[in-house]
Every structure is written in C-alpha cells, then in structure tokens.
Protein backbone atom coordinates (compact mmCIF):
# COMPACT_ATOMS: atom_id res chain seq x y z
CA MET A 1 97.33 95.01 123.29
CA PRO A 2 98.70 91.51 124.16
CA HIS A 3 99.57 89.35 121.16
CA ILE A 4 98.57 85.66 121.01
CA ILE A 5 99.56 83.13 118.34
CA VAL A 6 97.12 80.36 117.38
CA ILE A 7 98.58 77.32 115.63
CA GLY A 8 96.02 75.79 113.26
CA ALA A 9 93.12 77.23 111.25
CA GLY A 10 90.64 74.39 111.43
CA ILE A 11 87.32 74.88 113.20
CA THR A 12 89.01 74.81 116.62
CA GLY A 13 91.78 77.23 115.71
CA VAL A 14 89.47 79.74 114.06
CA THR A 15 86.91 79.71 116.87
CA THR A 16 89.79 80.13 119.34
CA ALA A 17 91.12 83.10 117.36
CA TYR A 18 87.65 84.65 117.39
CA ALA A 19 87.21 84.14 121.15
CA LEU A 20 90.60 85.78 121.75
CA LEU A 21 89.78 88.73 119.48
CA LYS A 22 86.54 89.32 121.38
CA ARG A 23 88.61 89.56 124.57
CA GLY A 24 90.77 92.28 123.10
CA PHE A 25 93.85 90.30 122.04
CA ASP A 26 95.92 90.89 118.94
CA VAL A 27 95.87 87.50 117.16
CA THR A 28 98.06 85.77 114.57
CA VAL A 29 96.98 82.38 113.18
CA ILE A 30 99.57 80.11 111.58
CA GLU A 31 98.24 77.42 109.22
CA ARG A 32 100.12 74.90 107.09
CA HIS A 33 97.50 74.90 104.30
CA ARG A 34 96.67 77.67 101.87
CA TYR A 35 93.21 78.26 103.35
CA ALA A 36 91.36 77.74 106.62
CA GLY A 37 89.45 74.51 107.20
CA MET A 38 91.31 72.28 104.76
CA GLU A 39 91.79 69.11 106.84
CA THR A 40 89.28 67.53 109.22
CA SER A 41 87.14 70.69 108.95
CA PHE A 42 86.70 70.21 105.22
CA ALA A 43 83.98 67.60 104.67
CA ASN A 44 82.86 65.97 107.91
CA GLY A 45 79.37 64.64 108.61
CA GLY A 46 78.01 68.13 109.25
CA GLN A 47 76.11 67.33 112.45
CA LEU A 48 76.01 69.76 115.36
CA SER A 49 74.98 66.89 117.56
CA ALA A 50 74.70 67.02 121.33
CA SER A 51 72.71 63.81 120.82
CA ASN A 52 75.92 62.08 119.68
CA ALA A 53 77.80 62.94 122.89
CA GLU A 54 78.13 59.35 124.12
CA VAL A 55 81.84 58.60 124.49
CA TRP A 56 83.20 55.39 122.98
CA ASN A 57 84.89 54.17 126.20
CA HIS A 58 82.62 51.18 126.70
CA ALA A 59 83.29 47.45 126.84
CA SER A 60 80.93 46.92 123.89
CA THR A 61 83.18 49.09 121.71
CA ILE A 62 86.14 46.79 122.38
CA LEU A 63 84.07 43.68 121.61
CA LYS A 64 82.69 45.15 118.39
CA GLY A 65 86.15 46.27 117.30
CA LEU A 66 87.54 42.77 117.79
CA SER A 67 84.65 41.16 115.90
CA TRP A 68 85.05 43.59 112.99
CA MET A 69 88.82 43.24 112.57
CA MET A 70 88.54 40.92 109.54
CA ARG A 71 85.87 42.99 107.76
CA LYS A 72 87.18 45.65 105.40
CA ASP A 73 83.77 47.34 105.35
CA ALA A 74 83.35 47.36 109.15
CA PRO A 75 82.13 50.57 110.82
CA LEU A 76 85.25 50.46 113.01
CA LEU A 77 88.45 49.15 111.44
CA PHE A 78 91.60 48.56 113.45
CA ASN A 79 94.95 47.99 111.79
CA PRO A 80 96.64 45.42 114.07
CA SER A 81 100.12 46.58 113.08
CA PRO A 82 101.65 47.71 116.41
CA SER A 83 103.13 51.10 117.26
CA TRP A 84 103.94 52.64 120.62
CA HIS A 85 101.58 55.53 119.92
CA LYS A 86 98.67 53.21 119.11
CA LEU A 87 99.29 50.90 122.06
CA SER A 88 99.61 53.76 124.54
CA TRP A 89 96.41 55.33 123.22
CA ILE A 90 94.46 52.07 123.45
CA SER A 91 95.64 51.40 127.01
CA GLU A 92 94.53 54.88 128.07
CA PHE A 93 91.23 54.43 126.19
CA VAL A 94 90.54 51.23 128.14
CA ALA A 95 91.52 52.92 131.41
CA GLN A 96 88.78 55.50 130.78
CA ILE A 97 85.97 52.90 130.60
CA PRO A 98 85.09 53.40 134.30
CA HIS A 99 84.52 57.10 133.50
CA TYR A 100 82.10 56.42 130.62
CA ARG A 101 79.08 57.89 132.42
CA ARG A 102 80.84 61.00 133.71
CA ASN A 103 82.51 61.77 130.38
CA THR A 104 79.27 61.30 128.42
CA VAL A 105 77.39 63.70 130.69
CA GLU A 106 80.23 66.25 130.52
CA THR A 107 80.38 66.04 126.72
CA THR A 108 76.62 66.62 126.53
CA ARG A 109 76.85 69.74 128.67
CA LEU A 110 79.76 71.05 126.62
CA ALA A 111 77.87 70.45 123.36
CA ILE A 112 74.85 72.39 124.58
CA GLN A 113 77.09 75.31 125.58
CA ALA A 114 78.82 75.21 122.20
CA ARG A 115 75.53 75.33 120.31
CA LYS A 116 74.62 78.64 121.93
CA HIS A 117 78.00 80.21 121.15
CA LEU A 118 78.07 79.00 117.55
CA PHE A 119 74.58 80.25 116.77
CA GLU A 120 75.46 83.66 118.22
CA ILE A 121 78.67 83.84 116.19
CA ALA A 122 76.90 82.94 112.94
CA GLU A 123 74.22 85.57 113.51
CA ARG A 124 76.66 88.28 114.63
CA GLU A 125 79.06 87.75 111.73
CA LYS A 126 76.39 86.93 109.10
CA ILE A 127 77.96 83.56 108.18
CA ASP A 128 76.02 81.46 105.68
CA PHE A 129 76.88 77.79 106.19
CA ASP A 130 73.78 75.93 104.95
CA HIS A 131 72.48 75.68 108.49
CA GLU A 132 69.45 73.42 108.93
CA ARG A 133 67.70 73.44 112.32
CA ARG A 134 65.46 70.41 111.73
CA GLY A 135 66.81 68.17 114.47
CA ILE A 136 68.68 64.87 114.35
CA LEU A 137 66.93 61.50 114.15
CA HIS A 138 68.70 58.38 115.47
CA ILE A 139 67.34 55.16 113.98
CA TYR A 140 67.66 51.63 115.39
CA ARG A 141 67.01 48.43 113.49
CA ASP A 142 66.64 46.06 116.46
CA ARG A 143 65.55 45.95 120.07
CA LYS A 144 69.08 45.57 121.46
CA GLY A 145 70.30 48.78 119.81
CA PHE A 146 67.21 50.68 120.91
CA GLU A 147 67.52 49.52 124.52
CA HIS A 148 71.16 50.63 124.67
CA ALA A 149 70.08 54.00 123.25
CA THR A 150 67.48 54.23 126.01
CA SER A 151 70.19 53.87 128.65
CA VAL A 152 72.33 56.45 126.84
CA ASN A 153 69.34 58.78 126.74
CA ALA A 154 69.29 58.90 130.53
CA LEU A 155 72.87 60.23 130.47
CA LEU A 156 72.07 62.79 127.77
CA ARG A 157 69.11 64.01 129.83
CA GLU A 158 71.36 64.28 132.87
CA GLY A 159 73.59 66.52 130.77
CA GLY A 160 70.59 68.74 129.95
CA LEU A 161 69.55 67.45 126.51
CA ASP A 162 65.91 66.98 125.49
CA ARG A 163 65.78 63.84 123.33
CA ARG A 164 62.63 61.73 122.97
CA ALA A 165 61.90 58.20 121.84
CA VAL A 166 59.90 57.76 118.61
CA THR A 167 58.14 54.79 117.06
CA SER A 168 58.78 53.38 113.59
CA GLU A 169 55.69 55.24 112.35
CA GLU A 170 56.93 58.51 113.86
CA ILE A 171 60.35 58.00 112.24
CA HIS A 172 58.75 58.03 108.79
CA ALA A 173 56.54 60.98 109.71
CA ILE A 174 59.60 62.99 110.80
CA GLU A 175 61.52 62.11 107.60
CA PRO A 176 59.20 60.85 104.84
CA ALA A 177 62.06 60.29 102.37
CA LEU A 178 63.55 57.51 104.52
CA ARG A 179 62.96 53.93 103.34
CA GLY A 180 63.16 50.79 105.48
CA THR A 181 61.70 49.28 108.63
CA TYR A 182 63.02 50.24 112.07
CA TYR A 183 62.42 49.06 115.60
CA GLY A 184 62.39 52.62 116.92
CA GLY A 185 64.38 55.77 117.26
CA PHE A 186 65.22 58.91 119.19
CA PHE A 187 64.67 62.46 117.97
CA THR A 188 66.52 65.57 119.15
CA PRO A 189 64.72 68.68 117.82
CA SER A 190 67.39 71.09 119.13
CA ASP A 191 70.27 69.54 117.14
CA SER A 192 71.13 70.85 113.70
CA THR A 193 73.52 70.53 110.75
CA GLY A 194 75.70 72.74 108.60
CA ASP A 195 78.70 72.94 106.32
CA ILE A 196 81.73 73.08 108.62
CA HIS A 197 84.05 74.22 105.82
CA LYS A 198 81.84 77.17 104.86
CA PHE A 199 81.51 78.17 108.52
CA THR A 200 85.26 77.91 109.18
CA ARG A 201 86.14 79.95 106.10
CA GLY A 202 83.44 82.50 106.92
CA LEU A 203 84.65 82.88 110.50
CA ALA A 204 88.27 83.20 109.34
CA HIS A 205 87.23 86.13 107.15
CA ALA A 206 85.37 87.64 110.12
CA CYS A 207 88.52 87.32 112.23
CA GLU A 208 90.50 89.14 109.54
CA ARG A 209 87.92 91.94 109.57
CA LEU A 210 88.42 92.17 113.33
CA GLY A 211 92.19 92.56 112.86
CA ALA A 212 93.58 89.02 112.99
CA ARG A 213 96.55 88.13 110.81
CA PHE A 214 96.58 84.73 109.07
CA ILE A 215 99.84 83.21 107.89
CA TYR A 216 99.04 80.40 105.45
CA ASP A 217 101.34 77.84 103.80
CA ALA A 218 103.43 77.84 106.96
CA ALA A 219 104.90 74.94 108.95
CA VAL A 220 105.66 75.48 112.63
CA GLY A 221 109.17 74.34 113.51
CA GLU A 222 109.46 75.04 117.21
CA ILE A 223 108.06 77.09 120.05
CA ALA A 224 110.75 78.80 122.14
CA HIS A 225 110.42 80.70 125.38
CA LEU A 226 112.11 84.02 125.90
CA ARG A 227 112.17 85.85 129.21
CA ASP A 228 108.63 87.21 129.02
CA SER A 229 107.28 85.98 125.69
CA VAL A 230 106.80 83.00 123.39
CA GLU A 231 108.55 82.77 120.03
CA VAL A 232 107.18 80.56 117.23
CA VAL A 233 109.56 79.57 114.45
CA TRP A 234 107.94 78.75 111.13
CA ARG A 235 108.98 78.22 107.54
CA PRO A 236 107.01 78.97 104.37
CA LEU A 237 105.56 76.07 102.38
CA THR A 238 104.78 77.91 99.16
CA PRO A 239 106.03 76.32 95.91
CA ALA A 240 108.71 79.00 95.58
CA ALA A 241 109.94 78.39 99.12
CA ASN A 242 109.98 74.62 98.60
CA ALA A 243 112.04 75.06 95.46
CA ASP A 244 114.49 77.27 97.32
CA ARG A 245 116.16 74.97 99.85
CA SER A 246 117.90 77.95 101.41
CA ALA A 247 114.65 79.73 102.26
CA ALA A 248 115.08 80.92 105.82
CA SER A 249 112.70 80.24 108.67
CA GLU A 250 110.88 83.18 110.17
CA ARG A 251 110.15 84.01 113.79
CA ILE A 252 107.21 85.68 115.43
CA SER A 253 106.91 86.50 119.12
CA ALA A 254 103.86 86.95 121.31
CA GLN A 255 102.72 86.95 124.92
CA GLY A 256 101.18 83.50 124.48
CA CYS A 257 100.35 80.66 122.13
CA VAL A 258 97.41 78.27 121.72
CA VAL A 259 98.02 74.94 119.96
CA CYS A 260 94.96 73.95 117.89
CA ALA A 261 96.85 71.79 115.43
CA GLY A 262 94.62 68.71 115.32
CA THR A 263 96.57 65.51 114.80
CA ALA A 264 99.84 67.49 114.71
CA SER A 265 99.29 68.67 118.30
CA ARG A 266 100.94 65.60 119.80
CA ALA A 267 104.28 66.27 118.08
CA ILE A 268 104.20 69.94 119.08
CA ALA A 269 103.39 68.95 122.66
CA ASN A 270 106.22 66.41 122.76
CA ALA A 271 108.68 69.10 121.71
CA LEU A 272 107.49 71.23 124.64
CA GLY A 273 107.75 68.39 127.12
CA ASP A 274 103.96 67.96 127.37
CA ARG A 275 101.80 64.89 126.90
CA VAL A 276 98.84 65.33 124.57
CA ASN A 277 98.08 61.81 123.38
CA VAL A 278 96.01 62.64 120.30
CA TYR A 279 95.52 59.76 117.85
CA PRO A 280 94.42 60.25 114.21
CA VAL A 281 91.15 58.30 113.78
CA LYS A 282 90.25 58.36 110.11
CA GLY A 283 86.70 59.02 108.98
CA TYR A 284 85.19 59.04 105.49
CA SER A 285 82.41 60.94 103.79
CA ILE A 286 80.77 61.25 100.42
CA THR A 287 79.09 64.38 99.13
CA VAL A 288 76.29 63.51 96.74
CA HIS A 289 75.43 66.30 94.32
CA LEU A 290 71.69 66.49 93.84
CA ASP A 291 71.64 67.77 90.28
CA THR A 292 68.09 66.72 89.39
CA GLN A 293 64.71 67.56 90.83
CA GLN A 294 64.11 63.87 91.55
CA SER A 295 67.30 63.63 93.61
CA GLN A 296 66.48 66.79 95.53
CA GLN A 297 63.02 65.48 96.37
CA SER A 298 64.35 62.03 97.33
CA ALA A 299 67.07 63.23 99.74
CA PRO A 300 66.20 63.81 103.40
CA TRP A 301 66.24 67.20 105.07
CA VAL A 302 66.24 65.85 108.62
CA SER A 303 69.70 64.68 109.71
CA LEU A 304 70.05 60.98 110.46
CA LEU A 305 72.27 58.69 112.49
CA ASP A 306 71.98 54.99 111.70
CA ASP A 307 73.34 53.37 114.85
CA LYS A 308 74.03 49.93 113.39
CA ALA A 309 75.87 51.22 110.32
CA LYS A 310 77.47 54.13 112.26
CA ILE A 311 76.53 56.47 109.42
CA VAL A 312 75.35 60.09 109.70
CA THR A 313 73.81 62.42 107.13
CA SER A 314 73.39 66.14 106.55
CA ARG A 315 71.50 68.06 103.90
CA LEU A 316 73.72 70.95 102.79
CA GLY A 317 71.39 73.25 100.95
CA THR A 318 69.16 72.23 98.07
CA ASP A 319 71.76 70.46 95.97
CA ARG A 320 74.18 68.60 98.29
CA PHE A 321 73.76 65.58 100.56
CA ARG A 322 76.58 64.55 102.92
CA VAL A 323 76.89 60.94 104.12
CA ALA A 324 79.69 60.15 106.56
CA GLY A 325 80.88 57.47 108.92
CA THR A 326 83.36 54.77 109.88
CA ALA A 327 86.34 54.94 112.21
CA GLU A 328 89.71 53.64 111.10
CA PHE A 329 92.74 53.25 113.36
CA ASN A 330 95.51 53.26 110.79
CA GLY A 331 98.01 55.90 111.84
CA PHE A 332 98.43 58.97 109.67
CA ASN A 333 97.31 57.21 106.50
CA LYS A 334 95.05 59.54 104.49
CA ASP A 335 94.30 57.23 101.55
CA ILE A 336 90.71 57.21 100.33
CA ARG A 337 89.92 53.50 100.10
CA ALA A 338 87.20 52.25 97.79
CA ASP A 339 86.22 49.48 100.23
CA ARG A 340 85.56 52.11 102.92
CA ILE A 341 83.64 54.48 100.64
CA ARG A 342 81.45 51.76 99.13
CA PRO A 343 79.38 51.14 102.31
CA LEU A 344 78.43 54.83 102.40
CA ALA A 345 77.26 54.74 98.79
CA ASP A 346 75.45 51.42 99.21
CA TRP A 347 73.68 52.68 102.34
CA THR A 348 72.51 55.78 100.44
CA ARG A 349 71.17 53.69 97.55
CA GLU A 350 69.32 51.37 99.93
CA LEU A 351 67.64 53.99 102.10
CA PHE A 352 67.13 56.68 99.45
CA PRO A 353 66.73 54.86 96.12
CA GLY A 354 65.45 57.94 94.32
CA ILE A 355 68.79 59.77 94.62
CA GLU A 356 70.86 59.65 91.44
CA MET A 357 74.44 58.72 92.39
CA THR A 358 76.04 60.11 89.23
CA LYS A 359 78.18 62.74 90.97
CA VAL A 360 79.67 61.60 94.27
CA VAL A 361 82.77 63.18 95.82
CA PRO A 362 84.64 61.00 98.37
CA TRP A 363 86.76 62.38 101.19
CA SER A 364 88.70 61.19 104.21
CA GLY A 365 89.98 63.09 107.23
CA LEU A 366 91.90 62.35 110.42
CA ARG A 367 89.95 63.10 113.58
CA PRO A 368 92.27 64.20 116.44
CA MET A 369 91.02 62.01 119.28
CA MET A 370 92.03 61.83 122.93
CA PRO A 371 91.74 58.48 124.77
CA SER A 372 89.08 59.91 127.12
CA MET A 373 87.09 61.25 124.12
CA LEU A 374 87.11 64.64 125.86
CA PRO A 375 88.95 67.56 124.22
CA CYS A 376 92.27 68.66 125.67
CA MET A 377 91.89 72.16 127.14
CA LYS A 378 94.92 72.69 129.32
CA ALA A 379 97.96 74.82 129.94
CA SER A 380 101.41 73.61 128.97
CA ARG A 381 104.18 73.01 131.47
CA ARG A 382 105.75 76.01 129.76
CA PRO A 383 104.42 79.48 130.63
CA ASN A 384 101.64 80.96 128.47
CA VAL A 385 101.24 78.00 126.10
CA PHE A 386 97.83 76.34 125.94
CA TYR A 387 96.11 73.49 124.11
CA ASN A 388 92.67 73.32 122.51
CA THR A 389 92.70 70.08 120.57
CA GLY A 390 91.67 66.42 120.54
CA HIS A 391 87.93 66.88 119.88
CA GLY A 392 87.68 63.66 117.87
CA HIS A 393 84.43 63.23 115.93
CA LEU A 394 82.81 66.18 117.78
CA GLY A 395 85.06 69.07 116.77
CA TRP A 396 82.26 70.78 114.87
CA THR A 397 79.91 70.21 117.82
CA LEU A 398 82.20 71.28 120.68
CA SER A 399 84.73 73.82 119.39
CA ALA A 400 82.67 76.97 119.99
CA ALA A 401 82.55 76.12 123.72
CA THR A 402 86.10 74.85 124.19
CA SER A 403 87.40 77.99 122.47
CA GLU A 404 85.63 80.17 125.02
CA ILE A 405 87.05 78.11 127.88
CA VAL A 406 90.62 78.23 126.57
CA ALA A 407 90.46 81.91 125.61
CA GLU A 408 89.39 82.71 129.17
CA LYS A 409 92.33 80.69 130.53
CA VAL A 410 94.64 82.72 128.28
CA ARG A 411 93.10 86.00 129.45
CA GLN A 412 93.57 85.08 133.09
CA ALA A 413 97.18 83.91 132.56
CA VAL A 414 98.16 87.07 130.68
CA ALA A 415 96.49 89.25 133.32
CA GLU A 416 98.38 87.46 136.11
CA SER A 417 101.73 87.67 134.32
CA GLY A 418 101.23 91.30 133.36
C-alpha cells in the first residue's frame, strides 16, 4: 500500500488525508500543534458559502483599501510597512484583476462541488458539527451595494448557484431577529453553516479509525528526495523536547507528500524550489455565548453577510453565536487587537440588541491567501510532492473539493511512477 505524508492538520490537511485514505493510501499527517484544527480552522466565520465566491481582484477593492488605510476599525486594514513578500503578493493580486470574472465563476463551481463532498463525509462518518442548513442571507444598506451584488449574482448563476434577490420586507421574514432597515438583499437557500473546528477534529478521528497516523507537536524541517521516495525530516515540539536541546530530528519516508500547511506553505515551497505565494491575511471573530433564554431567542439562526461591514455570522447550536470579519494585511502578526474586535461586538449590539454580551471570546487567525484568490492545487517541481493550500477566506467552503482533486493527482502520479 503506497504511503503518503500530509503536512498540516487543518481543514485542508484532514480532508486531503481522508480523500487519500478512501483511495487506498497509507497516510501519515504531521501537524505542529497538539490537535487538529488549531489555527485558521479553529474559529472562523462558519459559513459554507458558495454565495461568497466572488474573488477580491477588483478595482473597487484597491480603492476601498486606500480609503480605509487611516481607519483602525476599517473592514480591510493594510499595514503600509513594506516587505518583498507583501509587495510581490500585491503586484500579483493586481495582475489578476482582468481574470475577476473567470476566477469568480470557477470558485463558485468549486464551492458547489465541495458542498456535496462535505455533506457526504459528515453523513458517512457521523460527524456532529452544529450544521445548520438554513441558507445564507446577504444584506445591503444602499442601492450601490445592491446593484454591485446584482452583477455578482450573474457570475454566481453562471457558476451554477441559485441565489435570489429579496426585498427589505423579505429579509425580515427570512430572519425575524434582525434589526435595521435595508435596501435589499440576496438569499441562497442551499448554503449552510457549521463549526469548522468540530468538523476538523471529528474527521481527524475518522481518519485515525481508517488507519491514518497523526504526528502532533511536530515541526517539519525539510523534505528530501531519495531515489524513489520522499523523506520528511521533523522534530518534536513537546515541552520535554524543547527543554532538551539535543533532541534529535526524526525522519519518515513515503512515496509522496502533500503540503497543506496554510501560511507556512510558502516557506516549505521555497525550500523545494517552488513558488507558492501565500500571504497571511488576518481575520477576527468573536464567539458570543448565549447563556440565557433571552439571548438564545434574540440571536439569528439564518446566517448573515453584511456587505458594507464585511461581517458574517453563524449560529453554532443553541448556545453559541459566531460573528466574524475584517481583513488585515500585517504579515504574520497574530495579536488580537481590541480596535479590530470592537466593530464585531458593536455590530452585534446594534443588529441584535437582545443578546447579552457578557461572555464573548475573541479570536484571530491567518488566512492563507493566494493572489488570484484561487487555491493552489499543483504538483511541485520535485517528483511526487503536491500542494493543496492558499484557500484564503474560503478554506471551509472549498477544501472538500480541492482535497478530492489533489488526491486524484497523487493517485495518478503514484500509478505512473509505479
């Protein structure tokens, strides 16, 4: 049975491991944290949203970013401090603007494929992840925003998505808990939400039941090529190993390797002579604990996307409400800033005044984003090394499809080399 190593146990790494197992591979997953799903797959917005497939490569994004540069609470915050990585990413992002339409349609198609795979996995493996299939409602506060959404809707429909326009009255009928006045909206009944962390952990356990080996608390040092195999060198990151400076690195060999290391993928690719220009785009979320009956009744069940504020919501079971948003270009900084969390809390108070905000847990994560906004699903220049990374803000939405695509590439490569 051919052996494949997967680097990373976030949502992309675990779905990749599962897709490989279903194709008959022996799989080892190497993860630098103690558990699966501990970075960007920990507390994202929760939306499984084909309706959010519009890529950001648009002239309006550049103009908004420039106008927001002096606002600490802006939906998109750009640290002007230069770095080669940032400048190269931005230049490639701009170069993708002519492909805005094509990339949006392709992302929509990929999201619809992913939805089918993820639902099948959850049912097959009996994974409880607070899944709510109540659709996603996009709300617009002015005519300009709604008209842009109408043009985007044509691209989403071209990609195969059924999303319909709704009036202000219909918005409140779809989600009665929502307060405020809106110009209009769009509703996607087929979209859904769920707890990405619970799903990732549940699928990791399913992979273990199917025979996968997970090596946690492990940092990958290098990937070497032998004559007919790949060798991954890693060192333990446990407290005991960190205290023992002489702790030796370990080596594990396989017929192939898939890099699903999120924001760390770029450094791994550089060491292999590949170019995977992933940039860490920070996002924030708050998880509001609904500890009273009043809060539970006041929180929405239908998932929302407020286009002007760039904020999304998910109801995670009876007693949790996730509010997420913002994009911050600030390198690998993981600090949770009060001035970035405050807009999420203020938005929640304004639109859902009945929710008691006495227990709110903030979080930030680094989205691994490619300049084209499309995930990187390619083979390395080196034999039998592959990439499945760079999903940006749609990792939860797309990973079940990209994992199938990459696992099939691995199967074909191993078959040809064998």
